[in-house]
Amino acid sequence: MTTTLRSAIDEYLGHRRTAKADNTMRTDASLLPRFADHVGNPDFDALTPEQVAGFFQGLLNIHVTRIKGQQIVAAVGPGTHNHYRKRLNVFFSYAHARGLAPRNDYLSLVEPLPELKRQRMQPSPSVLLQLLDQAECAMHRAYLAAAVNTACRASELVNLRVGDVDFARSELFVTVIKTHEEDEMPLTADLERELLAWFEEYAALLGRPLRDDDYLFPARSGNQIKTHYLDEKTGKRVYERTPIVYHPDRPVERTEKIVKGALAKLGLPTRYEGTHTVRRAVARAYFDQLAQDAGYDAALRTVSALLHHSSMSTTERYLGLSTERKRRDETMKGRPFLTAMVPQQSNVIPLRRVR
């Protein structure tokens, strides 16, 4: 019995919905139906590598997308192309393992594209601490404090509730979005001080005691220009804004703007930066500190646990490390090099005497 491509997609999405992070599910739920529409939703038996290659070739040109209501959009970049290829590969492997697809070479004509490796900014610990003083408001300061003291992802920080903070046990209850695991992370003294100040300010802003189910970093509204007029005495235009209102039942959005705003005030680049900038910088600073005392491997294991990575190799790539570089450094740093390769009594002829 043959299975249509769309039927296989529906089964796959239903299977993955409980196992994958929200961002991954959003990508799959958007990409796979687009792919099925493009190739005409054939039976899996009739799908060919050429059709798959045609779909990707179309993405590399100006094309119509169903995501934005049949709008014409620009070609995707190498990073998006490779990400889409990876997601389709996971789907095809699932379909083949389930007996829905007769083959598993559908991507044989689609090669990964080379990607530009951007050099990501890694602020020093002193700069990370300065970010807090550049925050626009108390809530933004608390968010930045949480980021620099936990190295959590933005998706993990925005889902924190007031009840997730346990001052008595010095713990922060974090749900790791990518794996749906729970972790009772240590609450540092620095973060405890910042959160105590934020809790006091937060309750005052709400005009009531905080509740355990209040979002730790709530959404805000208001601060919009209500009216403006020209001050005849000063000759300057005066803007009156609506009051800022906090919504504890909704998490803060656009967290990258919090980080970008603080970076900009320090005169630092902001393009492509966000909470991940802080996460990576904290992890690297922590690794460098631990490596001096405990060595490379122990430091890597500890930082991998901090970042909630499933393997140390992932952490190595994330920090820009490699085992090859480690081996190079251990065998060369502070040691003789070519002189160690040449016996001391050998007849070495200086280059200037060679004719």
Protein backbone atom coordinates (compact mmCIF):
# COMPACT_ATOMS: atom_id res chain seq x y z
CA MET A 1 0.00 0.00 0.00
CA THR A 2 1.49 3.32 -1.07
CA THR A 3 1.51 6.44 1.09
CA THR A 4 1.20 9.99 -0.16
CA LEU A 5 3.91 12.43 0.78
CA ARG A 6 1.46 14.62 2.71
CA SER A 7 0.17 11.66 4.74
CA ALA A 8 3.72 10.77 5.72
CA ILE A 9 4.36 14.39 6.70
CA ASP A 10 1.25 14.46 8.91
CA GLU A 11 2.35 11.26 10.67
CA TYR A 12 5.88 12.60 11.13
CA LEU A 13 4.74 15.93 12.56
CA GLY A 14 2.42 14.17 14.97
CA HIS A 15 5.29 11.95 16.11
CA ARG A 16 7.76 14.80 16.56
CA ARG A 17 5.43 17.31 18.17
CA THR A 18 6.08 16.02 21.69
CA ALA A 19 9.79 15.47 21.25
CA LYS A 20 11.22 18.60 19.66
CA ALA A 21 11.70 22.23 20.65
CA ASP A 22 9.13 24.76 19.49
CA ASN A 23 11.48 26.38 16.94
CA THR A 24 12.25 23.03 15.32
CA MET A 25 8.57 22.15 15.15
CA ARG A 26 7.73 25.51 13.60
CA THR A 27 10.35 24.93 10.91
CA ASP A 28 9.12 21.42 10.15
CA ALA A 29 5.45 22.43 10.17
CA SER A 30 6.20 25.19 7.65
CA LEU A 31 8.87 23.58 5.48
CA LEU A 32 7.42 20.11 4.90
CA PRO A 33 3.96 21.22 3.62
CA ARG A 34 5.72 23.71 1.32
CA PHE A 35 7.84 20.88 -0.02
CA ALA A 36 4.77 18.68 -0.57
CA ASP A 37 2.99 21.50 -2.41
CA HIS A 38 6.01 22.12 -4.63
CA VAL A 39 6.36 18.50 -5.79
CA GLY A 40 2.61 17.98 -6.15
CA ASN A 41 2.07 15.65 -3.18
CA PRO A 42 2.92 12.42 -5.03
CA ASP A 43 2.93 8.91 -3.59
CA PHE A 44 6.25 8.33 -1.85
CA ASP A 45 6.99 5.58 -4.39
CA ALA A 46 6.98 8.19 -7.15
CA LEU A 47 9.12 10.83 -5.44
CA THR A 48 12.56 11.25 -7.04
CA PRO A 49 15.84 12.94 -6.05
CA GLU A 50 15.39 15.21 -9.07
CA GLN A 51 12.15 16.60 -7.63
CA VAL A 52 13.83 17.23 -4.29
CA ALA A 53 16.72 18.99 -6.02
CA GLY A 54 14.22 21.12 -7.95
CA PHE A 55 12.65 22.28 -4.70
CA PHE A 56 16.00 23.42 -3.34
CA GLN A 57 16.96 25.05 -6.62
CA GLY A 58 13.76 27.08 -6.41
CA LEU A 59 14.67 28.26 -2.91
CA LEU A 60 17.94 29.66 -4.24
CA ASN A 61 16.03 31.98 -6.57
CA ILE A 62 13.34 34.57 -5.94
CA HIS A 63 10.26 32.50 -5.13
CA VAL A 64 6.74 32.51 -3.77
CA THR A 65 6.25 31.40 -0.19
CA ARG A 66 3.03 30.14 1.40
CA ILE A 67 4.23 31.40 4.80
CA LYS A 68 3.55 35.03 4.00
CA GLY A 69 0.36 34.61 2.01
CA GLN A 70 1.86 33.74 -1.37
CA GLN A 71 4.28 36.66 -1.22
CA ILE A 72 7.33 36.83 -3.43
CA VAL A 73 10.45 36.60 -1.29
CA ALA A 74 14.19 36.72 -1.87
CA ALA A 75 16.36 33.66 -2.30
CA VAL A 76 17.40 31.87 0.87
CA GLY A 77 21.01 32.03 2.02
CA PRO A 78 23.41 29.10 2.49
CA GLY A 79 22.59 28.81 6.20
CA THR A 80 18.85 28.49 5.60
CA HIS A 81 19.43 26.14 2.67
CA ASN A 82 21.55 23.82 4.82
CA HIS A 83 19.10 23.98 7.70
CA TYR A 84 16.22 23.02 5.41
CA ARG A 85 18.31 20.20 3.97
CA LYS A 86 18.98 18.90 7.47
CA ARG A 87 15.29 18.98 8.42
CA LEU A 88 14.25 17.15 5.24
CA ASN A 89 16.96 14.56 5.83
CA VAL A 90 15.52 13.83 9.27
CA PHE A 91 12.05 13.46 7.75
CA PHE A 92 13.23 11.14 4.94
CA SER A 93 15.15 8.97 7.44
CA TYR A 94 12.03 8.66 9.58
CA ALA A 95 9.86 7.78 6.59
CA HIS A 96 12.33 5.16 5.37
CA ALA A 97 12.66 3.58 8.83
CA ARG A 98 8.87 3.40 9.11
CA GLY A 99 8.53 1.74 5.72
CA LEU A 100 6.74 4.78 4.26
CA ALA A 101 9.53 5.59 1.79
CA PRO A 102 11.10 2.90 -0.46
CA ARG A 103 14.48 4.65 -0.58
CA ASN A 104 16.62 7.04 1.46
CA ASP A 105 18.71 8.84 -1.16
CA TYR A 106 16.33 11.68 -1.92
CA LEU A 107 18.94 14.32 -1.07
CA SER A 108 21.70 12.74 -3.16
CA LEU A 109 21.55 15.63 -5.66
CA VAL A 110 21.43 18.37 -3.02
CA GLU A 111 24.85 19.26 -1.61
CA PRO A 112 25.33 21.45 1.48
CA LEU A 113 26.39 24.98 0.59
CA PRO A 114 29.50 26.61 2.08
CA GLU A 115 28.59 29.08 4.80
CA LEU A 116 30.38 32.24 5.83
CA LYS A 117 31.69 31.74 9.35
CA ARG A 118 30.98 34.97 11.17
CA GLN A 119 33.35 35.90 13.95
CA ARG A 120 30.96 36.29 16.86
CA MET A 121 31.65 38.92 19.47
CA GLN A 122 32.66 37.58 22.89
CA PRO A 123 32.53 40.42 25.44
CA SER A 124 34.90 40.09 28.38
CA PRO A 125 33.56 39.53 31.91
CA SER A 126 34.06 43.22 32.72
CA VAL A 127 32.01 44.25 29.66
CA LEU A 128 29.29 41.73 30.54
CA LEU A 129 28.96 43.34 33.96
CA GLN A 130 28.83 46.81 32.40
CA LEU A 131 25.83 45.73 30.33
CA LEU A 132 23.70 45.72 33.47
CA ASP A 133 24.24 49.42 34.07
CA GLN A 134 23.14 50.19 30.50
CA ALA A 135 19.71 48.56 30.91
CA GLU A 136 16.70 50.67 29.99
CA CYS A 137 14.67 49.63 33.04
CA ALA A 138 14.77 47.41 36.13
CA MET A 139 13.24 44.47 34.29
CA HIS A 140 15.83 44.66 31.51
CA ARG A 141 18.60 44.80 34.11
CA ALA A 142 17.23 41.68 35.81
CA TYR A 143 17.04 39.88 32.44
CA LEU A 144 20.65 40.75 31.63
CA ALA A 145 21.72 39.69 35.13
CA ALA A 146 20.03 36.32 34.63
CA ALA A 147 21.70 35.90 31.25
CA VAL A 148 25.23 36.64 32.49
CA ASN A 149 24.82 34.44 35.59
CA THR A 150 23.26 31.37 33.96
CA ALA A 151 24.28 31.38 30.27
CA CYS A 152 20.72 30.25 29.53
CA ARG A 153 19.11 30.59 26.13
CA ALA A 154 16.59 33.39 25.61
CA SER A 155 13.83 30.79 25.20
CA GLU A 156 14.65 29.43 28.66
CA LEU A 157 14.85 32.82 30.35
CA VAL A 158 11.55 34.16 29.03
CA ASN A 159 9.68 31.10 30.30
CA LEU A 160 10.86 31.51 33.89
CA ARG A 161 8.20 32.25 36.50
CA VAL A 162 8.55 33.95 39.85
CA GLY A 163 8.02 30.59 41.54
CA ASP A 164 11.05 29.17 39.73
CA VAL A 165 13.34 31.25 41.96
CA ASP A 166 14.13 29.58 45.30
CA PHE A 167 16.12 32.00 47.43
CA ALA A 168 16.11 29.64 50.41
CA ARG A 169 17.91 26.90 48.48
CA SER A 170 19.81 29.27 46.13
CA GLU A 171 18.35 27.53 43.09
CA LEU A 172 16.74 28.53 39.83
CA PHE A 173 14.35 26.01 38.29
CA VAL A 174 14.99 26.03 34.51
CA THR A 175 13.27 24.04 31.77
CA VAL A 176 15.68 23.35 28.92
CA ILE A 177 13.56 24.07 25.86
CA LYS A 178 15.53 21.99 23.35
CA THR A 179 15.36 18.77 25.36
CA HIS A 180 12.36 19.43 27.64
CA GLU A 181 14.58 18.55 30.61
CA GLU A 182 14.38 20.29 33.97
CA ASP A 183 17.42 21.58 35.84
CA GLU A 184 17.75 23.13 39.28
CA MET A 185 20.53 25.54 38.42
CA PRO A 186 22.61 27.22 41.14
CA LEU A 187 21.61 30.78 42.01
CA THR A 188 24.78 32.84 42.26
CA ALA A 189 25.17 35.53 44.89
CA ASP A 190 25.31 38.16 42.13
CA LEU A 191 22.06 36.99 40.57
CA GLU A 192 20.33 36.63 43.93
CA ARG A 193 21.09 40.27 44.73
CA GLU A 194 19.79 41.44 41.35
CA LEU A 195 16.60 39.36 41.55
CA LEU A 196 15.80 40.51 45.08
CA ALA A 197 15.97 44.11 43.85
CA TRP A 198 13.82 43.24 40.81
CA PHE A 199 11.20 41.43 42.91
CA GLU A 200 10.78 44.52 45.07
CA GLU A 201 10.47 46.78 42.04
CA TYR A 202 8.24 44.31 40.19
CA ALA A 203 5.72 44.12 43.07
CA ALA A 204 5.65 47.91 43.31
CA LEU A 205 4.97 48.21 39.56
CA LEU A 206 2.08 45.73 39.80
CA GLY A 207 0.72 47.24 43.00
CA ARG A 208 0.35 43.79 44.58
CA PRO A 209 2.47 40.92 45.96
CA LEU A 210 4.09 38.72 43.35
CA ARG A 211 2.54 35.35 42.55
CA ASP A 212 4.40 32.15 41.75
CA ASP A 213 2.84 31.95 38.27
CA ASP A 214 3.81 35.52 37.31
CA TYR A 215 6.38 35.55 34.54
CA LEU A 216 9.77 36.55 35.91
CA PHE A 217 10.33 38.85 32.94
CA PRO A 218 6.88 40.10 31.89
CA ALA A 219 5.70 41.73 28.70
CA ARG A 220 5.30 45.51 28.66
CA SER A 221 2.94 47.82 26.81
CA GLY A 222 2.51 51.56 26.64
CA ASN A 223 5.21 54.20 26.32
CA GLN A 224 3.59 55.27 23.04
CA ILE A 225 3.40 58.90 21.97
CA LYS A 226 -0.06 60.11 23.00
CA THR A 227 0.27 63.71 21.92
CA HIS A 228 2.92 66.31 21.26
CA TYR A 229 3.10 70.06 21.10
CA LEU A 230 5.58 72.86 20.68
CA ASP A 231 6.72 74.52 23.90
CA GLU A 232 6.61 78.25 23.16
CA LYS A 233 9.11 79.08 25.90
CA THR A 234 11.83 76.63 24.86
CA GLY A 235 10.95 76.24 21.21
CA LYS A 236 11.25 72.48 21.63
CA ARG A 237 8.66 69.87 20.85
CA VAL A 238 7.27 68.06 23.90
CA TYR A 239 6.06 64.50 23.63
CA GLU A 240 3.60 62.99 26.09
CA ARG A 241 3.59 59.22 26.28
CA THR A 242 1.18 56.64 27.57
CA PRO A 243 2.17 54.99 30.86
CA ILE A 244 4.13 51.72 30.81
CA VAL A 245 2.05 48.74 31.93
CA TYR A 246 3.51 45.33 32.88
CA HIS A 247 1.63 42.13 32.03
CA PRO A 248 2.74 39.32 34.38
CA ASP A 249 0.63 36.78 32.50
CA ARG A 250 2.75 37.16 29.34
CA PRO A 251 6.51 36.80 28.88
CA VAL A 252 8.72 39.56 27.49
CA GLU A 253 9.28 39.45 23.73
CA ARG A 254 12.08 40.61 21.43
CA THR A 255 14.75 39.98 24.04
CA GLU A 256 17.48 40.66 21.51
CA LYS A 257 16.52 44.34 21.74
CA ILE A 258 17.41 44.28 25.45
CA VAL A 259 20.92 43.05 24.67
CA LYS A 260 21.37 45.23 21.59
CA GLY A 261 20.31 48.34 23.52
CA ALA A 262 22.90 47.72 26.23
CA LEU A 263 25.64 46.93 23.70
CA ALA A 264 24.87 50.08 21.73
CA LYS A 265 25.23 52.25 24.83
CA LEU A 266 28.73 50.83 25.29
CA GLY A 267 29.56 51.62 21.68
CA LEU A 268 29.74 47.94 20.68
CA PRO A 269 28.42 46.32 17.47
CA THR A 270 24.84 45.09 17.62
CA ARG A 271 24.20 43.38 14.28
CA TYR A 272 23.47 39.66 14.69
CA GLU A 273 23.90 39.99 18.46
CA GLY A 274 21.46 39.00 21.20
CA THR A 275 21.16 36.79 24.24
CA HIS A 276 23.29 34.19 22.48
CA THR A 277 26.15 36.71 22.51
CA VAL A 278 25.97 36.79 26.29
CA ARG A 279 25.55 33.01 26.53
CA ARG A 280 28.64 32.30 24.42
CA ALA A 281 30.77 34.92 26.17
CA VAL A 282 29.85 33.66 29.64
CA ALA A 283 30.57 30.06 28.65
CA ARG A 284 33.99 30.95 27.20
CA ALA A 285 34.97 33.05 30.22
CA TYR A 286 33.90 30.24 32.55
CA PHE A 287 35.85 27.70 30.49
CA ASP A 288 39.03 29.78 30.50
CA GLN A 289 38.81 30.21 34.28
CA LEU A 290 38.20 26.51 34.94
CA ALA A 291 40.86 25.34 32.48
CA GLN A 292 43.57 27.15 34.44
CA ASP A 293 42.73 25.27 37.63
CA ALA A 294 41.16 21.96 36.57
CA GLY A 295 42.52 21.40 33.06
CA TYR A 296 40.94 21.26 29.61
CA ASP A 297 38.80 18.14 29.92
CA ALA A 298 37.33 18.92 33.34
CA ALA A 299 36.58 22.49 32.29
CA LEU A 300 34.89 21.27 29.11
CA ARG A 301 32.67 18.84 31.03
CA THR A 302 31.57 21.53 33.48
CA VAL A 303 30.80 24.10 30.79
CA SER A 304 28.93 21.48 28.77
CA ALA A 305 26.69 20.92 31.80
CA LEU A 306 26.19 24.68 32.16
CA LEU A 307 25.08 24.99 28.53
CA HIS A 308 22.93 21.84 28.67
CA HIS A 309 24.74 20.36 25.69
CA SER A 310 24.26 16.69 24.92
CA SER A 311 27.94 16.14 24.09
CA MET A 312 31.28 17.78 24.79
CA SER A 313 32.04 17.95 21.07
CA THR A 314 29.06 20.29 20.71
CA THR A 315 30.52 22.48 23.44
CA GLU A 316 33.92 22.48 21.75
CA ARG A 317 32.39 23.73 18.51
CA TYR A 318 30.28 26.26 20.38
CA LEU A 319 33.30 27.71 22.17
CA GLY A 320 35.47 27.61 19.06
CA LEU A 321 37.70 24.88 20.49
CA SER A 322 38.96 21.66 18.94
CA THR A 323 40.83 18.61 20.12
CA GLU A 324 43.38 19.17 17.34
CA ARG A 325 44.19 22.63 18.64
CA LYS A 326 44.41 21.25 22.16
CA ARG A 327 46.93 18.62 21.01
CA ARG A 328 48.90 21.23 19.05
CA ASP A 329 49.13 23.52 22.06
CA GLU A 330 50.17 20.74 24.44
CA THR A 331 52.94 19.52 22.14
CA MET A 332 54.30 22.93 21.10
CA LYS A 333 53.70 25.55 23.79
CA GLY A 334 56.94 26.34 25.64
CA ARG A 335 58.76 23.35 24.12
CA PRO A 336 61.65 23.07 21.67
CA PHE A 337 60.40 22.60 18.13
CA LEU A 338 62.78 21.89 15.20
CA THR A 339 65.77 21.69 17.52
CA ALA A 340 64.10 18.75 19.22
CA MET A 341 63.87 16.95 15.88
CA VAL A 342 67.58 17.26 15.05
CA PRO A 343 70.22 15.31 17.02
CA GLN A 344 72.61 17.69 18.75
CA GLN A 345 75.76 16.12 17.21
CA SER A 346 74.46 16.15 13.65
CA ASN A 347 76.26 18.05 10.92
CA VAL A 348 73.87 20.95 10.41
CA ILE A 349 74.93 23.31 7.63
CA PRO A 350 73.81 26.95 8.06
CA LEU A 351 71.70 28.14 5.14
CA ARG A 352 74.01 31.05 4.40
CA ARG A 353 76.83 28.60 3.57
CA VAL A 354 74.80 26.59 1.09
CA ARG A 355 75.75 27.39 -2.53
